[in-house]
């Protein structure tokens, strides 16, 4: 009797041209960090991935010859949160820099925001690395300071009740809200913070008689009370 043997099928790996890589594999194949891959994509140094988010291995192997070029073009800093960005700028310029200053630089367009991580903004590392404008930094340090209600009133030289009328009239808006030391973290932040630059703008408003406002006696009605009744607001 003839003996038959079962046949086995051996699957050959696909040719190199058919293999694809996801983002981390692509970064590893190019010998760069994942954040560099993202930035190289933004700068157009690497072709976009497929609809499935993958790159052909042979394309990456061709790009690998340009790794040094990609590293030079993408800088040395990944995108940073406000605290780390502030630390970097403080070290480079030799002056105190806080997270508020970084947010102010982004507000003025001096650096770009680069997304959100765990609910907090990220700032473009390449912009931070290339930022050299000391005058813009000094302006941001002054205008970007965030003050609570009491500090904002002191900045204007008025009573807390006067500041409240500015807020009610829409002449002053909070730039941010934070948690108080007594507030449970699961609650939404309730403490309003006001930007120093907005306060300085109010101080130059010719329609506001600051000497008269500041000399209103304690217990007397605020001269700003009529603003809310008149419906005056900041321009949009």
C-alpha atoms as a PDB file:
ATOM      1  CA  UNK A   1       0.000   0.000   0.000  1.00  0.00           C
ATOM      2  CA  UNK A   2       1.302   3.363  -0.937  1.00  0.00           C
ATOM      3  CA  UNK A   3       1.831   5.661   2.018  1.00  0.00           C
ATOM      4  CA  UNK A   4       0.755   9.250   1.612  1.00  0.00           C
ATOM      5  CA  UNK A   5       2.171  12.034   3.675  1.00  0.00           C
ATOM      6  CA  UNK A   6       0.227  15.165   4.544  1.00  0.00           C
ATOM      7  CA  UNK A   7       1.441  18.205   2.762  1.00  0.00           C
ATOM      8  CA  UNK A   8       2.363  21.299   4.698  1.00  0.00           C
ATOM      9  CA  UNK A   9       2.164  24.818   3.397  1.00  0.00           C
ATOM     10  CA  UNK A  10       4.906  27.220   4.375  1.00  0.00           C
ATOM     11  CA  UNK A  11       3.932  30.882   4.288  1.00  0.00           C
ATOM     12  CA  UNK A  12       6.738  33.056   3.086  1.00  0.00           C
ATOM     13  CA  UNK A  13       7.114  36.510   4.614  1.00  0.00           C
ATOM     14  CA  UNK A  14       5.977  39.302   2.340  1.00  0.00           C
ATOM     15  CA  UNK A  15       8.670  41.044   0.388  1.00  0.00           C
ATOM     16  CA  UNK A  16      10.191  44.127   1.965  1.00  0.00           C
ATOM     17  CA  UNK A  17       8.191  46.402  -0.319  1.00  0.00           C
ATOM     18  CA  UNK A  18       4.924  44.930   1.053  1.00  0.00           C
ATOM     19  CA  UNK A  19       5.798  45.339   4.746  1.00  0.00           C
ATOM     20  CA  UNK A  20       4.435  48.365   6.562  1.00  0.00           C
ATOM     21  CA  UNK A  21       5.205  50.080   9.844  1.00  0.00           C
ATOM     22  CA  UNK A  22       3.116  51.933  12.367  1.00  0.00           C
ATOM     23  CA  UNK A  23       4.274  55.209  13.969  1.00  0.00           C
ATOM     24  CA  UNK A  24       6.541  53.740  16.648  1.00  0.00           C
ATOM     25  CA  UNK A  25       7.992  51.186  14.240  1.00  0.00           C
ATOM     26  CA  UNK A  26       8.562  53.950  11.705  1.00  0.00           C
ATOM     27  CA  UNK A  27      10.397  56.094  14.260  1.00  0.00           C
ATOM     28  CA  UNK A  28      12.539  53.121  15.289  1.00  0.00           C
ATOM     29  CA  UNK A  29      13.326  52.285  11.678  1.00  0.00           C
ATOM     30  CA  UNK A  30      14.451  55.866  11.063  1.00  0.00           C
ATOM     31  CA  UNK A  31      16.398  55.975  14.320  1.00  0.00           C
ATOM     32  CA  UNK A  32      14.500  58.993  15.685  1.00  0.00           C
ATOM     33  CA  UNK A  33      12.169  59.683  18.590  1.00  0.00           C
ATOM     34  CA  UNK A  34       8.405  59.466  18.124  1.00  0.00           C
ATOM     35  CA  UNK A  35       8.016  63.225  18.645  1.00  0.00           C
ATOM     36  CA  UNK A  36      10.501  63.873  15.834  1.00  0.00           C
ATOM     37  CA  UNK A  37       8.423  61.714  13.532  1.00  0.00           C
ATOM     38  CA  UNK A  38       5.325  63.805  14.321  1.00  0.00           C
ATOM     39  CA  UNK A  39       7.197  67.051  13.759  1.00  0.00           C
ATOM     40  CA  UNK A  40       8.805  65.822  10.554  1.00  0.00           C
ATOM     41  CA  UNK A  41       5.314  65.037   9.302  1.00  0.00           C
ATOM     42  CA  UNK A  42       4.139  68.546  10.197  1.00  0.00           C
ATOM     43  CA  UNK A  43       7.135  70.012   8.354  1.00  0.00           C
ATOM     44  CA  UNK A  44       6.564  67.862   5.284  1.00  0.00           C
ATOM     45  CA  UNK A  45       9.868  66.021   5.673  1.00  0.00           C
ATOM     46  CA  UNK A  46       8.146  62.638   5.723  1.00  0.00           C
ATOM     47  CA  UNK A  47       5.249  61.640   3.463  1.00  0.00           C
ATOM     48  CA  UNK A  48       1.899  61.120   5.168  1.00  0.00           C
ATOM     49  CA  UNK A  49       0.977  57.674   6.391  1.00  0.00           C
ATOM     50  CA  UNK A  50      -1.665  55.593   4.675  1.00  0.00           C
ATOM     51  CA  UNK A  51      -5.311  55.739   5.735  1.00  0.00           C
ATOM     52  CA  UNK A  52      -4.446  52.930   8.143  1.00  0.00           C
ATOM     53  CA  UNK A  53      -1.707  55.057   9.701  1.00  0.00           C
ATOM     54  CA  UNK A  54       1.219  53.056   8.317  1.00  0.00           C
ATOM     55  CA  UNK A  55       4.212  53.566   6.026  1.00  0.00           C
ATOM     56  CA  UNK A  56       5.782  51.126   3.533  1.00  0.00           C
ATOM     57  CA  UNK A  57       9.050  49.804   4.936  1.00  0.00           C
ATOM     58  CA  UNK A  58      10.926  50.479   1.722  1.00  0.00           C
ATOM     59  CA  UNK A  59       9.878  54.158   1.844  1.00  0.00           C
ATOM     60  CA  UNK A  60      11.222  54.410   5.385  1.00  0.00           C
ATOM     61  CA  UNK A  61      14.445  52.697   4.385  1.00  0.00           C
ATOM     62  CA  UNK A  62      14.930  55.349   1.699  1.00  0.00           C
ATOM     63  CA  UNK A  63      14.196  58.127   4.200  1.00  0.00           C
ATOM     64  CA  UNK A  64      16.720  56.680   6.645  1.00  0.00           C
ATOM     65  CA  UNK A  65      19.501  58.165   4.514  1.00  0.00           C
ATOM     66  CA  UNK A  66      18.141  61.613   5.489  1.00  0.00           C
ATOM     67  CA  UNK A  67      18.007  61.002   9.239  1.00  0.00           C
ATOM     68  CA  UNK A  68      20.614  63.678   9.998  1.00  0.00           C
ATOM     69  CA  UNK A  69      18.663  66.207   7.927  1.00  0.00           C
ATOM     70  CA  UNK A  70      15.457  65.293   9.751  1.00  0.00           C
ATOM     71  CA  UNK A  71      17.136  65.659  13.142  1.00  0.00           C
ATOM     72  CA  UNK A  72      18.530  69.075  12.267  1.00  0.00           C
ATOM     73  CA  UNK A  73      15.206  70.346  10.936  1.00  0.00           C
ATOM     74  CA  UNK A  74      13.130  69.133  13.877  1.00  0.00           C
ATOM     75  CA  UNK A  75      15.258  70.705  16.604  1.00  0.00           C
ATOM     76  CA  UNK A  76      16.168  69.312  19.981  1.00  0.00           C
ATOM     77  CA  UNK A  77      13.067  70.016  22.089  1.00  0.00           C
ATOM     78  CA  UNK A  78       9.863  67.993  21.999  1.00  0.00           C
ATOM     79  CA  UNK A  79       6.597  69.836  22.523  1.00  0.00           C
ATOM     80  CA  UNK A  80       6.490  70.978  26.147  1.00  0.00           C
ATOM     81  CA  UNK A  81       3.937  71.810  28.782  1.00  0.00           C
ATOM     82  CA  UNK A  82       3.896  75.318  30.226  1.00  0.00           C
ATOM     83  CA  UNK A  83       6.060  74.492  33.253  1.00  0.00           C
ATOM     84  CA  UNK A  84       8.864  72.824  31.307  1.00  0.00           C
ATOM     85  CA  UNK A  85       8.710  75.487  28.594  1.00  0.00           C
ATOM     86  CA  UNK A  86       9.009  78.189  31.262  1.00  0.00           C
ATOM     87  CA  UNK A  87      11.988  76.420  32.834  1.00  0.00           C
ATOM     88  CA  UNK A  88      13.724  76.223  29.461  1.00  0.00           C
ATOM     89  CA  UNK A  89      13.185  79.933  28.726  1.00  0.00           C
ATOM     90  CA  UNK A  90      14.236  80.943  32.250  1.00  0.00           C
ATOM     91  CA  UNK A  91      17.499  79.029  31.897  1.00  0.00           C
ATOM     92  CA  UNK A  92      18.264  80.461  28.478  1.00  0.00           C
ATOM     93  CA  UNK A  93      17.435  84.109  29.236  1.00  0.00           C
ATOM     94  CA  UNK A  94      18.525  84.128  32.873  1.00  0.00           C
ATOM     95  CA  UNK A  95      15.305  85.691  34.189  1.00  0.00           C
ATOM     96  CA  UNK A  96      12.319  84.241  36.074  1.00  0.00           C
ATOM     97  CA  UNK A  97       9.745  82.858  33.662  1.00  0.00           C
ATOM     98  CA  UNK A  98       6.473  81.294  34.745  1.00  0.00           C
ATOM     99  CA  UNK A  99       3.822  79.254  32.966  1.00  0.00           C
ATOM    100  CA  UNK A 100       1.695  82.403  32.612  1.00  0.00           C
ATOM    101  CA  UNK A 101       4.442  83.942  30.476  1.00  0.00           C
ATOM    102  CA  UNK A 102       4.448  80.934  28.156  1.00  0.00           C
ATOM    103  CA  UNK A 103       0.666  81.165  27.745  1.00  0.00           C
ATOM    104  CA  UNK A 104       1.027  84.889  26.984  1.00  0.00           C
ATOM    105  CA  UNK A 105       3.682  84.212  24.325  1.00  0.00           C
ATOM    106  CA  UNK A 106       1.262  81.790  22.697  1.00  0.00           C
ATOM    107  CA  UNK A 107      -1.584  84.305  22.969  1.00  0.00           C
ATOM    108  CA  UNK A 108       0.492  86.874  21.067  1.00  0.00           C
ATOM    109  CA  UNK A 109       1.613  84.352  18.436  1.00  0.00           C
ATOM    110  CA  UNK A 110       5.285  84.337  19.462  1.00  0.00           C
ATOM    111  CA  UNK A 111       5.090  80.572  19.935  1.00  0.00           C
ATOM    112  CA  UNK A 112       2.430  78.103  18.863  1.00  0.00           C
ATOM    113  CA  UNK A 113       0.318  75.741  20.847  1.00  0.00           C
ATOM    114  CA  UNK A 114       0.869  72.143  19.799  1.00  0.00           C
ATOM    115  CA  UNK A 115      -2.087  70.300  21.270  1.00  0.00           C
ATOM    116  CA  UNK A 116      -3.383  69.096  24.598  1.00  0.00           C
ATOM    117  CA  UNK A 117      -1.975  66.490  26.988  1.00  0.00           C
ATOM    118  CA  UNK A 118      -4.073  65.358  29.956  1.00  0.00           C
ATOM    119  CA  UNK A 119      -6.135  68.505  29.741  1.00  0.00           C
ATOM    120  CA  UNK A 120      -3.154  70.880  29.638  1.00  0.00           C
ATOM    121  CA  UNK A 121      -1.795  72.744  26.595  1.00  0.00           C
ATOM    122  CA  UNK A 122       1.455  71.783  24.917  1.00  0.00           C
ATOM    123  CA  UNK A 123       3.670  74.341  23.205  1.00  0.00           C
ATOM    124  CA  UNK A 124       5.703  73.847  20.041  1.00  0.00           C
ATOM    125  CA  UNK A 125       9.216  72.809  21.032  1.00  0.00           C
ATOM    126  CA  UNK A 126      10.756  74.120  17.827  1.00  0.00           C
ATOM    127  CA  UNK A 127       9.232  77.563  18.429  1.00  0.00           C
ATOM    128  CA  UNK A 128      10.522  77.557  22.008  1.00  0.00           C
ATOM    129  CA  UNK A 129      13.995  76.516  20.883  1.00  0.00           C
ATOM    130  CA  UNK A 130      14.150  79.234  18.225  1.00  0.00           C
ATOM    131  CA  UNK A 131      12.603  82.000  20.331  1.00  0.00           C
ATOM    132  CA  UNK A 132      15.116  84.850  20.801  1.00  0.00           C
ATOM    133  CA  UNK A 133      13.020  88.000  21.304  1.00  0.00           C
ATOM    134  CA  UNK A 134      13.935  89.277  24.767  1.00  0.00           C
ATOM    135  CA  UNK A 135      11.668  92.319  24.439  1.00  0.00           C
ATOM    136  CA  UNK A 136       8.690  90.079  23.636  1.00  0.00           C
ATOM    137  CA  UNK A 137       9.577  87.879  26.601  1.00  0.00           C
ATOM    138  CA  UNK A 138       9.663  90.879  28.949  1.00  0.00           C
ATOM    139  CA  UNK A 139       6.277  92.075  27.672  1.00  0.00           C
ATOM    140  CA  UNK A 140       4.846  88.603  28.166  1.00  0.00           C
ATOM    141  CA  UNK A 141       6.255  88.448  31.698  1.00  0.00           C
ATOM    142  CA  UNK A 142       4.443  91.683  32.534  1.00  0.00           C
ATOM    143  CA  UNK A 143       1.189  91.316  30.614  1.00  0.00           C
ATOM    144  CA  UNK A 144       0.734  87.581  31.122  1.00  0.00           C
ATOM    145  CA  UNK A 145       0.700  87.645  34.924  1.00  0.00           C
ATOM    146  CA  UNK A 146      -2.542  86.206  36.300  1.00  0.00           C
ATOM    147  CA  UNK A 147      -3.969  87.873  39.401  1.00  0.00           C
ATOM    148  CA  UNK A 148      -6.821  86.841  41.648  1.00  0.00           C
ATOM    149  CA  UNK A 149      -9.658  89.238  42.430  1.00  0.00           C
ATOM    150  CA  UNK A 150      -7.932  90.928  45.355  1.00  0.00           C
ATOM    151  CA  UNK A 151      -4.579  91.307  43.579  1.00  0.00           C
ATOM    152  CA  UNK A 152      -6.322  92.609  40.451  1.00  0.00           C
ATOM    153  CA  UNK A 153      -8.115  95.276  42.506  1.00  0.00           C
ATOM    154  CA  UNK A 154      -4.806  96.315  44.073  1.00  0.00           C
ATOM    155  CA  UNK A 155      -3.223  96.484  40.597  1.00  0.00           C
ATOM    156  CA  UNK A 156      -5.928  98.975  39.584  1.00  0.00           C
ATOM    157  CA  UNK A 157      -5.772 100.784  42.911  1.00  0.00           C
ATOM    158  CA  UNK A 158      -9.467 100.232  43.602  1.00  0.00           C
ATOM    159  CA  UNK A 159     -11.708  98.340  45.990  1.00  0.00           C
ATOM    160  CA  UNK A 160     -12.819  94.758  45.381  1.00  0.00           C
ATOM    161  CA  UNK A 161     -16.384  95.990  44.851  1.00  0.00           C
ATOM    162  CA  UNK A 162     -15.163  98.333  42.078  1.00  0.00           C
ATOM    163  CA  UNK A 163     -13.504  95.403  40.327  1.00  0.00           C
ATOM    164  CA  UNK A 164     -16.739  93.415  40.633  1.00  0.00           C
ATOM    165  CA  UNK A 165     -18.581  96.143  38.719  1.00  0.00           C
ATOM    166  CA  UNK A 166     -15.995  96.015  35.930  1.00  0.00           C
ATOM    167  CA  UNK A 167     -16.606  92.281  35.649  1.00  0.00           C
ATOM    168  CA  UNK A 168     -20.392  92.634  35.714  1.00  0.00           C
ATOM    169  CA  UNK A 169     -20.218  95.271  32.985  1.00  0.00           C
ATOM    170  CA  UNK A 170     -18.141  92.968  30.792  1.00  0.00           C
ATOM    171  CA  UNK A 171     -15.187  95.339  30.802  1.00  0.00           C
ATOM    172  CA  UNK A 172     -13.031  92.705  32.458  1.00  0.00           C
ATOM    173  CA  UNK A 173     -13.151  88.973  31.900  1.00  0.00           C
ATOM    174  CA  UNK A 174     -11.284  86.183  33.683  1.00  0.00           C
ATOM    175  CA  UNK A 175      -8.373  84.804  31.692  1.00  0.00           C
ATOM    176  CA  UNK A 176      -8.462  81.515  33.609  1.00  0.00           C
ATOM    177  CA  UNK A 177     -10.025  79.729  36.562  1.00  0.00           C
ATOM    178  CA  UNK A 178      -8.182  77.658  39.159  1.00  0.00           C
ATOM    179  CA  UNK A 179      -9.068  75.620  42.221  1.00  0.00           C
ATOM    180  CA  UNK A 180      -8.941  77.235  45.638  1.00  0.00           C
ATOM    181  CA  UNK A 181      -7.007  75.466  48.365  1.00  0.00           C
ATOM    182  CA  UNK A 182     -10.300  74.429  49.971  1.00  0.00           C
ATOM    183  CA  UNK A 183     -12.090  73.278  46.822  1.00  0.00           C
ATOM    184  CA  UNK A 184     -12.375  69.537  46.028  1.00  0.00           C
ATOM    185  CA  UNK A 185     -10.419  68.715  42.866  1.00  0.00           C
ATOM    186  CA  UNK A 186     -13.415  66.899  41.418  1.00  0.00           C
ATOM    187  CA  UNK A 187     -15.234  70.236  41.205  1.00  0.00           C
ATOM    188  CA  UNK A 188     -14.772  72.686  38.372  1.00  0.00           C
ATOM    189  CA  UNK A 189     -12.251  75.420  39.247  1.00  0.00           C
ATOM    190  CA  UNK A 190     -13.987  78.468  40.699  1.00  0.00           C
ATOM    191  CA  UNK A 191     -11.295  81.068  41.430  1.00  0.00           C
ATOM    192  CA  UNK A 192     -11.156  83.647  38.635  1.00  0.00           C
ATOM    193  CA  UNK A 193      -7.768  84.992  37.533  1.00  0.00           C
ATOM    194  CA  UNK A 194      -7.332  88.196  35.578  1.00  0.00           C
ATOM    195  CA  UNK A 195      -4.594  89.001  33.078  1.00  0.00           C
ATOM    196  CA  UNK A 196      -2.380  91.958  33.963  1.00  0.00           C
ATOM    197  CA  UNK A 197      -2.384  93.126  30.350  1.00  0.00           C
ATOM    198  CA  UNK A 198      -6.182  93.468  30.414  1.00  0.00           C
ATOM    199  CA  UNK A 199      -5.966  95.479  33.627  1.00  0.00           C
ATOM    200  CA  UNK A 200      -3.351  97.769  32.083  1.00  0.00           C
ATOM    201  CA  UNK A 201      -5.616  98.334  29.086  1.00  0.00           C
ATOM    202  CA  UNK A 202      -8.425  99.428  31.424  1.00  0.00           C
ATOM    203  CA  UNK A 203      -6.064 101.896  33.071  1.00  0.00           C
ATOM    204  CA  UNK A 204      -5.647 103.697  29.732  1.00  0.00           C
ATOM    205  CA  UNK A 205      -9.407 103.895  29.054  1.00  0.00           C
ATOM    206  CA  UNK A 206     -10.222 107.636  28.872  1.00  0.00           C
ATOM    207  CA  UNK A 207     -13.862 106.977  29.741  1.00  0.00           C
ATOM    208  CA  UNK A 208     -12.910 105.752  33.221  1.00  0.00           C
ATOM    209  CA  UNK A 209     -12.119 108.454  35.777  1.00  0.00           C
ATOM    210  CA  UNK A 210      -9.603 106.516  37.833  1.00  0.00           C
ATOM    211  CA  UNK A 211      -8.714 109.310  40.299  1.00  0.00           C
ATOM    212  CA  UNK A 212     -12.395 109.731  41.169  1.00  0.00           C
ATOM    213  CA  UNK A 213     -12.954 105.981  41.342  1.00  0.00           C
ATOM    214  CA  UNK A 214      -9.969 105.516  43.657  1.00  0.00           C
ATOM    215  CA  UNK A 215     -10.988 108.301  46.031  1.00  0.00           C
ATOM    216  CA  UNK A 216     -14.506 106.979  46.600  1.00  0.00           C
ATOM    217  CA  UNK A 217     -14.817 106.555  50.351  1.00  0.00           C
ATOM    218  CA  UNK A 218     -15.226 103.140  51.897  1.00  0.00           C
ATOM    219  CA  UNK A 219     -18.914 102.285  52.170  1.00  0.00           C
ATOM    220  CA  UNK A 220     -19.914 104.653  49.378  1.00  0.00           C
ATOM    221  CA  UNK A 221     -21.422 103.339  46.111  1.00  0.00           C
ATOM    222  CA  UNK A 222     -18.923 102.641  43.368  1.00  0.00           C
ATOM    223  CA  UNK A 223     -18.733 105.093  40.506  1.00  0.00           C
ATOM    224  CA  UNK A 224     -18.459 102.028  38.267  1.00  0.00           C
ATOM    225  CA  UNK A 225     -21.906 100.738  39.224  1.00  0.00           C
ATOM    226  CA  UNK A 226     -23.525 102.595  36.343  1.00  0.00           C
ATOM    227  CA  UNK A 227     -21.430 100.682  33.776  1.00  0.00           C
ATOM    228  CA  UNK A 228     -23.447  97.517  34.241  1.00  0.00           C
ATOM    229  CA  UNK A 229     -26.700  99.494  34.068  1.00  0.00           C
ATOM    230  CA  UNK A 230     -25.579 101.235  30.869  1.00  0.00           C
ATOM    231  CA  UNK A 231     -24.699  97.889  29.305  1.00  0.00           C
ATOM    232  CA  UNK A 232     -21.202  98.931  28.265  1.00  0.00           C
ATOM    233  CA  UNK A 233     -19.039  95.950  27.279  1.00  0.00           C
ATOM    234  CA  UNK A 234     -15.663  95.218  25.809  1.00  0.00           C
ATOM    235  CA  UNK A 235     -15.483  94.926  22.015  1.00  0.00           C
ATOM    236  CA  UNK A 236     -15.539  91.343  20.783  1.00  0.00           C
END
